[in-house]
C-alpha cells in the first residue's frame, strides 16, 4: 500500500488573544496550511518539482521547514546543540535537492516531531528572550523569531499552493 499524506483538519483562526497566543496561532496556521497542501498526495507527488531548474517540491518544503524551525527555535532561541537534518556545509540545499519519494512518510513524521520539539523548547522562554542572529551577531528576540517564521511560512505556503495546483489542480485553503 502506498502512503499518502493524511487529511488535515482546518482549525478556526484565533482573532483575539494575548501576544504570545496570537503569534503561536499564526505560526500554527502557517504550519497547517503547508500540511493541508500536502494532504492526499503520495511520495512521488510530494517530491514532484516545480519547473526546471528549481528543485522546489512540497516534500522539499516540508524538509526545509523542518530545518528552519529546528534552526531558529531549538538551535538559536533555546540554545540546543544540534546539527541540521538534511543540510550541512558541503550540502547547503540538501533539504530540497535530496528528496526521496520513498522517504516521504518519514520526512513528514520528522516535520511533525520537530514542530512538537520546537514548541516544547520555546514554551518556557519569554518573547523578550534574546539570542544572537547567526549572520549579523546582533541580538534578536524570540518575538522576532516568531515573526520571521510566520513570514517564512507565508512565503512558502504560496509556493506550496502553486506546487499543489501543478500536481492535481487543487487551489485555495
N, C-alpha and C. Protein backbone atom coordinates (compact mmCIF):
# COMPACT_ATOMS: atom_id res chain seq x y z
N UNK A 1 0.84 -1.19 0.00
CA UNK A 1 0.00 0.00 0.00
C UNK A 1 0.89 1.25 0.00
N UNK A 2 0.56 2.21 -0.81
CA UNK A 2 1.32 3.45 -0.91
C UNK A 2 0.86 4.44 0.14
N UNK A 3 1.82 5.02 0.85
CA UNK A 3 1.50 6.02 1.86
C UNK A 3 1.05 7.31 1.19
N UNK A 4 0.06 7.95 1.77
CA UNK A 4 -0.33 9.28 1.34
C UNK A 4 -0.42 10.17 2.58
N UNK A 5 -0.12 11.43 2.39
CA UNK A 5 -0.17 12.39 3.49
C UNK A 5 -1.61 12.47 4.01
N UNK A 6 -1.76 12.42 5.34
CA UNK A 6 -3.11 12.39 5.91
C UNK A 6 -3.88 13.69 5.73
N UNK A 7 -5.20 13.59 5.87
CA UNK A 7 -6.04 14.77 5.82
C UNK A 7 -5.77 15.65 7.04
N UNK A 8 -5.85 16.93 6.83
CA UNK A 8 -5.60 17.91 7.88
C UNK A 8 -6.92 18.60 8.20
N UNK A 9 -7.22 18.68 9.49
CA UNK A 9 -8.42 19.38 9.91
C UNK A 9 -8.13 20.87 9.95
N UNK A 10 -8.94 21.63 9.26
CA UNK A 10 -8.79 23.08 9.30
C UNK A 10 -9.29 23.60 10.63
N UNK A 11 -8.50 24.42 11.26
CA UNK A 11 -8.87 24.96 12.57
C UNK A 11 -9.27 26.42 12.43
N UNK A 12 -10.11 26.85 13.34
CA UNK A 12 -10.55 28.25 13.33
C UNK A 12 -9.37 29.16 13.65
N UNK A 13 -9.34 30.30 13.01
CA UNK A 13 -8.28 31.27 13.23
C UNK A 13 -8.54 32.03 14.52
N UNK A 14 -7.51 32.20 15.34
CA UNK A 14 -7.61 32.97 16.57
C UNK A 14 -7.59 34.45 16.20
N UNK A 15 -8.63 35.16 16.59
CA UNK A 15 -8.74 36.57 16.24
C UNK A 15 -8.51 37.50 17.43
N UNK A 16 -8.58 36.96 18.64
CA UNK A 16 -8.39 37.75 19.84
C UNK A 16 -7.58 36.92 20.82
N UNK A 17 -6.59 37.53 21.44
CA UNK A 17 -5.78 36.83 22.43
C UNK A 17 -4.58 37.67 22.80
N UNK A 18 -3.82 37.18 23.77
CA UNK A 18 -2.61 37.91 24.13
C UNK A 18 -1.55 37.71 23.05
N UNK A 19 -0.49 38.46 23.14
CA UNK A 19 0.52 38.46 22.08
C UNK A 19 1.07 37.07 21.79
N UNK A 20 1.44 36.34 22.82
CA UNK A 20 2.03 35.01 22.63
C UNK A 20 1.04 34.06 21.96
N UNK A 21 -0.20 34.09 22.42
CA UNK A 21 -1.22 33.22 21.83
C UNK A 21 -1.46 33.57 20.36
N UNK A 22 -1.46 34.86 20.04
CA UNK A 22 -1.68 35.28 18.66
C UNK A 22 -0.51 34.87 17.76
N UNK A 23 0.72 35.06 18.25
CA UNK A 23 1.88 34.64 17.47
C UNK A 23 1.87 33.13 17.24
N UNK A 24 1.60 32.37 18.29
CA UNK A 24 1.57 30.91 18.16
C UNK A 24 0.46 30.48 17.19
N UNK A 25 -0.69 31.14 17.27
CA UNK A 25 -1.80 30.79 16.39
C UNK A 25 -1.46 31.07 14.92
N UNK A 26 -0.80 32.19 14.66
CA UNK A 26 -0.42 32.49 13.28
C UNK A 26 0.64 31.52 12.77
N UNK A 27 1.58 31.15 13.64
CA UNK A 27 2.58 30.16 13.27
C UNK A 27 1.90 28.82 12.98
N UNK A 28 1.01 28.41 13.86
CA UNK A 28 0.30 27.14 13.66
C UNK A 28 -0.53 27.15 12.38
N UNK A 29 -1.09 28.30 12.06
CA UNK A 29 -1.86 28.41 10.81
C UNK A 29 -0.96 28.18 9.60
N UNK A 30 0.23 28.79 9.61
CA UNK A 30 1.16 28.56 8.51
C UNK A 30 1.57 27.11 8.40
N UNK A 31 1.82 26.48 9.53
CA UNK A 31 2.16 25.06 9.55
C UNK A 31 1.02 24.23 8.98
N UNK A 32 -0.19 24.55 9.41
CA UNK A 32 -1.37 23.81 9.00
C UNK A 32 -1.61 23.92 7.50
N UNK A 33 -1.40 25.13 6.96
CA UNK A 33 -1.60 25.32 5.51
C UNK A 33 -0.61 24.46 4.73
N UNK A 34 0.65 24.40 5.15
CA UNK A 34 1.62 23.57 4.45
C UNK A 34 1.20 22.11 4.48
N UNK A 35 0.76 21.63 5.63
CA UNK A 35 0.31 20.25 5.73
C UNK A 35 -0.95 20.01 4.88
N UNK A 36 -1.83 21.00 4.87
CA UNK A 36 -3.04 20.88 4.07
C UNK A 36 -2.71 20.77 2.58
N UNK A 37 -1.69 21.50 2.14
CA UNK A 37 -1.28 21.43 0.73
C UNK A 37 -0.71 20.06 0.37
N UNK A 38 -0.25 19.33 1.38
CA UNK A 38 0.33 18.00 1.15
C UNK A 38 -0.68 16.88 1.25
N UNK A 39 -1.82 17.13 1.88
CA UNK A 39 -2.76 16.05 2.18
C UNK A 39 -3.21 15.32 0.92
N UNK A 40 -3.29 13.99 1.06
CA UNK A 40 -3.78 13.16 -0.02
C UNK A 40 -2.77 12.83 -1.11
N UNK A 41 -1.55 13.36 -0.99
CA UNK A 41 -0.53 13.10 -2.01
C UNK A 41 0.42 12.01 -1.54
N UNK A 42 0.92 11.24 -2.48
CA UNK A 42 1.90 10.20 -2.16
C UNK A 42 3.32 10.76 -2.30
N UNK A 43 4.30 9.94 -2.00
CA UNK A 43 5.69 10.38 -2.02
C UNK A 43 6.14 10.90 -3.37
N UNK A 44 5.72 10.25 -4.43
CA UNK A 44 6.11 10.70 -5.77
C UNK A 44 5.53 12.08 -6.06
N UNK A 45 4.27 12.26 -5.72
CA UNK A 45 3.64 13.56 -5.94
C UNK A 45 4.29 14.64 -5.07
N UNK A 46 4.56 14.32 -3.81
CA UNK A 46 5.18 15.29 -2.91
C UNK A 46 6.57 15.70 -3.38
N UNK A 47 7.27 14.79 -4.02
CA UNK A 47 8.63 15.07 -4.50
C UNK A 47 8.65 15.70 -5.90
N UNK A 48 7.49 15.86 -6.51
CA UNK A 48 7.41 16.47 -7.84
C UNK A 48 7.89 17.91 -7.78
N UNK A 49 8.86 18.22 -8.60
CA UNK A 49 9.45 19.56 -8.60
C UNK A 49 8.63 20.51 -9.45
N UNK A 50 8.81 21.79 -9.17
CA UNK A 50 8.01 22.81 -9.85
C UNK A 50 8.37 22.86 -11.33
N UNK A 51 9.40 23.56 -11.67
CA UNK A 51 9.87 23.67 -13.05
C UNK A 51 11.38 23.76 -13.03
N UNK A 52 12.01 23.28 -14.06
CA UNK A 52 13.47 23.37 -14.16
C UNK A 52 13.90 24.82 -14.17
N UNK A 53 14.95 25.21 -13.55
CA UNK A 53 15.92 24.40 -12.84
C UNK A 53 15.63 24.27 -11.36
N UNK A 54 14.46 24.73 -10.90
CA UNK A 54 14.14 24.73 -9.48
C UNK A 54 14.09 23.31 -8.92
N UNK A 55 14.58 23.15 -7.70
CA UNK A 55 14.47 21.86 -7.01
C UNK A 55 13.34 21.89 -5.99
N UNK A 56 12.51 22.92 -6.03
CA UNK A 56 11.43 23.06 -5.06
C UNK A 56 10.33 22.04 -5.29
N UNK A 57 9.90 21.42 -4.20
CA UNK A 57 8.79 20.48 -4.20
C UNK A 57 8.10 20.60 -2.85
N UNK A 58 6.91 20.02 -2.74
CA UNK A 58 6.22 20.02 -1.45
C UNK A 58 7.04 19.25 -0.41
N UNK A 59 7.63 18.14 -0.81
CA UNK A 59 8.46 17.38 0.12
C UNK A 59 9.68 18.20 0.52
N UNK A 60 10.27 18.90 -0.42
CA UNK A 60 11.39 19.78 -0.11
C UNK A 60 10.98 20.88 0.85
N UNK A 61 9.78 21.43 0.67
CA UNK A 61 9.29 22.46 1.59
C UNK A 61 9.10 21.90 3.00
N UNK A 62 8.57 20.69 3.12
CA UNK A 62 8.44 20.06 4.44
C UNK A 62 9.82 19.90 5.08
N UNK A 63 10.77 19.42 4.32
CA UNK A 63 12.12 19.23 4.84
C UNK A 63 12.78 20.57 5.18
N UNK A 64 12.57 21.57 4.34
CA UNK A 64 13.14 22.90 4.57
C UNK A 64 12.57 23.51 5.85
N UNK A 65 11.26 23.40 6.03
CA UNK A 65 10.65 23.98 7.22
C UNK A 65 11.01 23.19 8.48
N UNK A 66 11.29 21.91 8.34
CA UNK A 66 11.82 21.14 9.47
C UNK A 66 13.13 21.76 9.92
N UNK A 67 14.01 22.02 8.98
CA UNK A 67 15.30 22.62 9.30
C UNK A 67 15.17 24.08 9.76
N UNK A 68 14.26 24.81 9.17
CA UNK A 68 14.06 26.21 9.55
C UNK A 68 13.58 26.31 10.99
N UNK A 69 12.57 25.52 11.32
CA UNK A 69 12.05 25.53 12.70
C UNK A 69 13.15 25.09 13.68
N UNK A 70 13.82 24.01 13.34
CA UNK A 70 14.89 23.48 14.20
C UNK A 70 15.96 24.55 14.43
N UNK A 71 16.40 25.20 13.35
CA UNK A 71 17.47 26.18 13.44
C UNK A 71 17.09 27.39 14.27
N UNK A 72 15.93 27.96 14.01
CA UNK A 72 15.55 29.18 14.70
C UNK A 72 15.08 28.94 16.13
N UNK A 73 14.22 27.95 16.32
CA UNK A 73 13.65 27.77 17.65
C UNK A 73 14.54 26.95 18.58
N UNK A 74 15.01 25.82 18.13
CA UNK A 74 15.78 24.96 19.03
C UNK A 74 17.25 25.35 19.11
N UNK A 75 17.88 25.56 17.95
CA UNK A 75 19.31 25.85 17.94
C UNK A 75 19.59 27.29 18.38
N UNK A 76 18.80 28.25 17.87
CA UNK A 76 19.07 29.64 18.20
C UNK A 76 18.40 30.02 19.53
N UNK A 77 17.08 30.04 19.56
CA UNK A 77 16.36 30.55 20.73
C UNK A 77 16.63 29.72 21.98
N UNK A 78 16.51 28.40 21.86
CA UNK A 78 16.67 27.54 23.04
C UNK A 78 18.12 27.15 23.30
N UNK A 79 19.02 27.41 22.35
CA UNK A 79 20.44 27.14 22.54
C UNK A 79 20.81 25.67 22.53
N UNK A 80 19.98 24.83 21.93
CA UNK A 80 20.30 23.40 21.86
C UNK A 80 21.42 23.17 20.85
N UNK A 81 22.35 22.32 21.20
CA UNK A 81 23.47 21.99 20.31
C UNK A 81 23.04 20.84 19.41
N UNK A 82 22.64 21.20 18.19
CA UNK A 82 22.12 20.24 17.23
C UNK A 82 22.75 20.48 15.87
N UNK A 83 22.64 19.50 15.03
CA UNK A 83 23.01 19.64 13.62
C UNK A 83 21.73 19.71 12.81
N UNK A 84 21.83 20.23 11.61
CA UNK A 84 20.69 20.17 10.71
C UNK A 84 20.49 18.73 10.26
N UNK A 85 19.30 18.40 9.85
CA UNK A 85 18.96 17.03 9.49
C UNK A 85 19.32 16.72 8.03
N UNK A 86 19.02 17.65 7.15
CA UNK A 86 19.15 17.39 5.71
C UNK A 86 20.30 18.14 5.04
N UNK A 87 20.79 19.19 5.65
CA UNK A 87 21.79 20.04 5.03
C UNK A 87 23.02 20.17 5.92
N UNK A 88 24.14 20.49 5.30
CA UNK A 88 25.36 20.80 6.05
C UNK A 88 26.23 21.73 5.21
N UNK A 89 27.42 22.01 5.68
CA UNK A 89 28.30 22.97 4.98
C UNK A 89 28.67 22.52 3.57
N UNK A 90 28.64 21.22 3.31
CA UNK A 90 29.00 20.72 1.99
C UNK A 90 27.78 20.45 1.12
N UNK A 91 26.58 20.55 1.71
CA UNK A 91 25.34 20.28 1.00
C UNK A 91 24.28 21.25 1.51
N UNK A 92 24.43 22.51 1.16
CA UNK A 92 23.58 23.57 1.70
C UNK A 92 22.11 23.41 1.34
N UNK A 93 21.80 22.81 0.22
CA UNK A 93 20.42 22.67 -0.22
C UNK A 93 19.92 21.23 -0.18
N UNK A 94 20.48 20.45 0.72
CA UNK A 94 20.06 19.05 0.83
C UNK A 94 18.59 18.88 1.15
N UNK A 95 18.00 19.87 1.84
CA UNK A 95 16.58 19.78 2.16
C UNK A 95 15.74 19.74 0.89
N UNK A 96 16.11 20.50 -0.14
CA UNK A 96 15.39 20.49 -1.40
C UNK A 96 15.97 19.50 -2.41
N UNK A 97 17.29 19.43 -2.48
CA UNK A 97 17.93 18.65 -3.55
C UNK A 97 17.85 17.15 -3.37
N UNK A 98 17.81 16.68 -2.14
CA UNK A 98 17.96 15.25 -1.88
C UNK A 98 16.67 14.56 -1.46
N UNK A 99 15.54 15.03 -1.95
CA UNK A 99 14.27 14.38 -1.60
C UNK A 99 14.20 13.00 -2.24
N UNK A 100 13.63 12.06 -1.50
CA UNK A 100 13.44 10.68 -1.97
C UNK A 100 11.98 10.33 -1.75
N UNK A 101 11.21 10.10 -2.81
CA UNK A 101 9.79 9.81 -2.65
C UNK A 101 9.49 8.70 -1.64
N UNK A 102 10.31 7.66 -1.62
CA UNK A 102 10.08 6.54 -0.71
C UNK A 102 10.27 6.93 0.76
N UNK A 103 10.91 8.07 1.01
CA UNK A 103 11.13 8.52 2.39
C UNK A 103 10.17 9.64 2.81
N UNK A 104 9.14 9.88 1.99
CA UNK A 104 8.20 10.97 2.27
C UNK A 104 7.49 10.78 3.61
N UNK A 105 7.06 9.58 3.92
CA UNK A 105 6.36 9.34 5.18
C UNK A 105 7.27 9.66 6.37
N UNK A 106 8.52 9.24 6.31
CA UNK A 106 9.47 9.51 7.39
C UNK A 106 9.77 11.01 7.49
N UNK A 107 9.90 11.69 6.36
CA UNK A 107 10.16 13.13 6.37
C UNK A 107 8.96 13.89 6.93
N UNK A 108 7.76 13.45 6.59
CA UNK A 108 6.54 14.06 7.10
C UNK A 108 6.48 13.90 8.62
N UNK A 109 6.75 12.69 9.09
CA UNK A 109 6.74 12.41 10.53
C UNK A 109 7.82 13.23 11.25
N UNK A 110 8.97 13.35 10.63
CA UNK A 110 10.07 14.15 11.22
C UNK A 110 9.67 15.61 11.33
N UNK A 111 8.96 16.13 10.35
CA UNK A 111 8.47 17.51 10.40
C UNK A 111 7.53 17.69 11.60
N UNK A 112 6.56 16.78 11.75
CA UNK A 112 5.62 16.87 12.88
C UNK A 112 6.35 16.76 14.21
N UNK A 113 7.32 15.87 14.28
CA UNK A 113 8.11 15.71 15.51
C UNK A 113 8.89 16.99 15.81
N UNK A 114 9.48 17.58 14.79
CA UNK A 114 10.27 18.80 15.00
C UNK A 114 9.38 19.94 15.49
N UNK A 115 8.19 20.06 14.95
CA UNK A 115 7.26 21.08 15.42
C UNK A 115 7.00 20.91 16.92
N UNK A 116 6.71 19.69 17.33
CA UNK A 116 6.44 19.43 18.75
C UNK A 116 7.66 19.76 19.61
N UNK A 117 8.85 19.38 19.15
CA UNK A 117 10.07 19.66 19.90
C UNK A 117 10.35 21.16 19.97
N UNK A 118 10.09 21.86 18.89
CA UNK A 118 10.30 23.31 18.88
C UNK A 118 9.34 24.00 19.84
N UNK A 119 8.07 23.64 19.78
CA UNK A 119 7.09 24.24 20.68
C UNK A 119 7.47 24.01 22.13
N UNK A 120 7.93 22.81 22.44
CA UNK A 120 8.33 22.48 23.81
C UNK A 120 9.57 23.28 24.22
N UNK A 121 10.52 23.43 23.31
CA UNK A 121 11.78 24.11 23.62
C UNK A 121 11.58 25.59 23.92
N UNK A 122 10.65 26.23 23.23
CA UNK A 122 10.47 27.67 23.43
C UNK A 122 9.37 28.01 24.41
N UNK A 123 8.58 27.05 24.82
CA UNK A 123 7.46 27.32 25.73
C UNK A 123 7.86 28.10 26.98
N UNK A 124 8.98 27.76 27.63
CA UNK A 124 9.32 28.49 28.85
C UNK A 124 10.01 29.84 28.61
N UNK A 125 10.34 30.15 27.36
CA UNK A 125 11.09 31.37 27.06
C UNK A 125 10.14 32.56 26.87
N UNK A 126 10.45 33.70 27.48
CA UNK A 126 9.62 34.90 27.24
C UNK A 126 9.88 35.45 25.83
N UNK A 127 8.93 36.18 25.31
CA UNK A 127 9.09 36.76 23.98
C UNK A 127 10.28 37.71 23.90
N UNK A 128 10.68 38.27 25.02
CA UNK A 128 11.83 39.18 25.04
C UNK A 128 13.17 38.45 25.16
N UNK A 129 13.14 37.11 25.28
CA UNK A 129 14.38 36.33 25.33
C UNK A 129 15.18 36.63 24.07
N UNK A 130 16.49 36.85 24.22
CA UNK A 130 17.31 37.19 23.05
C UNK A 130 18.38 36.13 22.80
N UNK A 131 18.80 36.12 21.57
CA UNK A 131 19.88 35.27 21.10
C UNK A 131 20.58 36.03 19.97
N UNK A 132 21.74 35.59 19.59
CA UNK A 132 22.47 36.26 18.51
C UNK A 132 21.99 35.78 17.15
N UNK A 133 21.80 36.73 16.25
CA UNK A 133 21.46 36.38 14.87
C UNK A 133 22.65 35.62 14.28
N UNK A 134 22.41 34.52 13.55
CA UNK A 134 23.52 33.70 13.07
C UNK A 134 24.45 34.39 12.07
N UNK A 135 23.96 35.37 11.33
CA UNK A 135 24.82 36.04 10.35
C UNK A 135 25.36 37.37 10.86
N UNK A 136 24.51 38.16 11.52
CA UNK A 136 24.93 39.50 11.93
C UNK A 136 25.52 39.55 13.33
N UNK A 137 25.17 38.58 14.17
CA UNK A 137 25.62 38.58 15.55
C UNK A 137 24.82 39.52 16.44
N UNK A 138 23.90 40.28 15.84
CA UNK A 138 23.08 41.21 16.62
C UNK A 138 22.03 40.43 17.42
N UNK A 139 21.67 41.00 18.57
CA UNK A 139 20.63 40.38 19.38
C UNK A 139 19.29 40.42 18.66
N UNK A 140 18.58 39.30 18.73
CA UNK A 140 17.21 39.21 18.22
C UNK A 140 16.37 38.57 19.31
N UNK A 141 15.12 39.00 19.39
CA UNK A 141 14.21 38.49 20.39
C UNK A 141 13.45 37.28 19.85
N UNK A 142 12.98 36.45 20.76
CA UNK A 142 12.12 35.32 20.36
C UNK A 142 10.91 35.85 19.60
N UNK A 143 10.41 37.01 19.97
CA UNK A 143 9.30 37.64 19.25
C UNK A 143 9.67 37.80 17.77
N UNK A 144 10.89 38.27 17.49
CA UNK A 144 11.34 38.43 16.10
C UNK A 144 11.38 37.07 15.40
N UNK A 145 11.83 36.04 16.11
CA UNK A 145 11.91 34.70 15.50
C UNK A 145 10.50 34.21 15.13
N UNK A 146 9.54 34.40 16.03
CA UNK A 146 8.16 34.05 15.69
C UNK A 146 7.72 34.76 14.41
N UNK A 147 7.94 36.07 14.37
CA UNK A 147 7.51 36.84 13.20
C UNK A 147 8.24 36.39 11.94
N UNK A 148 9.51 36.08 12.07
CA UNK A 148 10.28 35.60 10.93
C UNK A 148 9.73 34.26 10.42
N UNK A 149 9.39 33.37 11.33
CA UNK A 149 8.84 32.07 10.91
C UNK A 149 7.46 32.23 10.29
N UNK A 150 6.66 33.13 10.82
CA UNK A 150 5.34 33.40 10.22
C UNK A 150 5.54 33.91 8.79
N UNK A 151 6.50 34.81 8.62
CA UNK A 151 6.83 35.32 7.29
C UNK A 151 7.32 34.18 6.38
N UNK A 152 8.16 33.34 6.91
CA UNK A 152 8.70 32.21 6.14
C UNK A 152 7.58 31.28 5.66
N UNK A 153 6.66 30.98 6.57
CA UNK A 153 5.52 30.13 6.17
C UNK A 153 4.65 30.83 5.14
N UNK A 154 4.42 32.13 5.29
CA UNK A 154 3.60 32.85 4.32
C UNK A 154 4.19 32.72 2.92
N UNK A 155 5.49 32.90 2.82
CA UNK A 155 6.15 32.81 1.52
C UNK A 155 6.07 31.39 0.97
N UNK A 156 6.42 30.42 1.80
CA UNK A 156 6.46 29.04 1.31
C UNK A 156 5.08 28.43 1.14
N UNK A 157 4.09 28.89 1.89
CA UNK A 157 2.73 28.40 1.65
C UNK A 157 2.23 28.86 0.29
N UNK A 158 2.67 30.04 -0.15
CA UNK A 158 2.36 30.48 -1.51
C UNK A 158 3.01 29.57 -2.55
N UNK A 159 4.26 29.20 -2.29
CA UNK A 159 4.92 28.24 -3.19
C UNK A 159 4.16 26.92 -3.19
N UNK A 160 3.75 26.48 -2.00
CA UNK A 160 3.03 25.20 -1.88
C UNK A 160 1.73 25.23 -2.67
N UNK A 161 1.06 26.36 -2.66
CA UNK A 161 -0.19 26.48 -3.41
C UNK A 161 0.05 26.27 -4.90
N UNK A 162 1.12 26.88 -5.42
CA UNK A 162 1.44 26.71 -6.84
C UNK A 162 1.88 25.28 -7.15
N UNK A 163 2.67 24.69 -6.26
CA UNK A 163 3.12 23.32 -6.46
C UNK A 163 1.93 22.36 -6.48
N UNK A 164 1.01 22.54 -5.52
CA UNK A 164 -0.15 21.66 -5.46
C UNK A 164 -1.02 21.82 -6.70
N UNK A 165 -1.21 23.04 -7.16
CA UNK A 165 -2.00 23.27 -8.35
C UNK A 165 -1.39 22.56 -9.56
N UNK A 166 -0.08 22.56 -9.63
CA UNK A 166 0.61 21.90 -10.74
C UNK A 166 0.41 20.38 -10.69
N UNK A 167 0.36 19.83 -9.49
CA UNK A 167 0.24 18.39 -9.34
C UNK A 167 -1.16 17.89 -9.71
N UNK A 168 -2.19 18.52 -9.13
CA UNK A 168 -3.55 17.99 -9.37
C UNK A 168 -4.63 19.05 -9.53
N UNK A 169 -4.24 20.32 -9.67
CA UNK A 169 -5.20 21.38 -9.91
C UNK A 169 -5.85 21.95 -8.65
N UNK A 170 -5.53 21.39 -7.48
CA UNK A 170 -6.13 21.88 -6.24
C UNK A 170 -5.56 23.24 -5.89
N UNK A 171 -6.45 24.18 -5.56
CA UNK A 171 -6.03 25.52 -5.16
C UNK A 171 -6.78 25.95 -3.91
N UNK A 172 -6.33 27.04 -3.32
CA UNK A 172 -7.02 27.64 -2.19
C UNK A 172 -6.75 26.98 -0.88
N UNK A 173 -7.34 27.54 0.17
CA UNK A 173 -7.26 26.97 1.52
C UNK A 173 -8.62 27.00 2.14
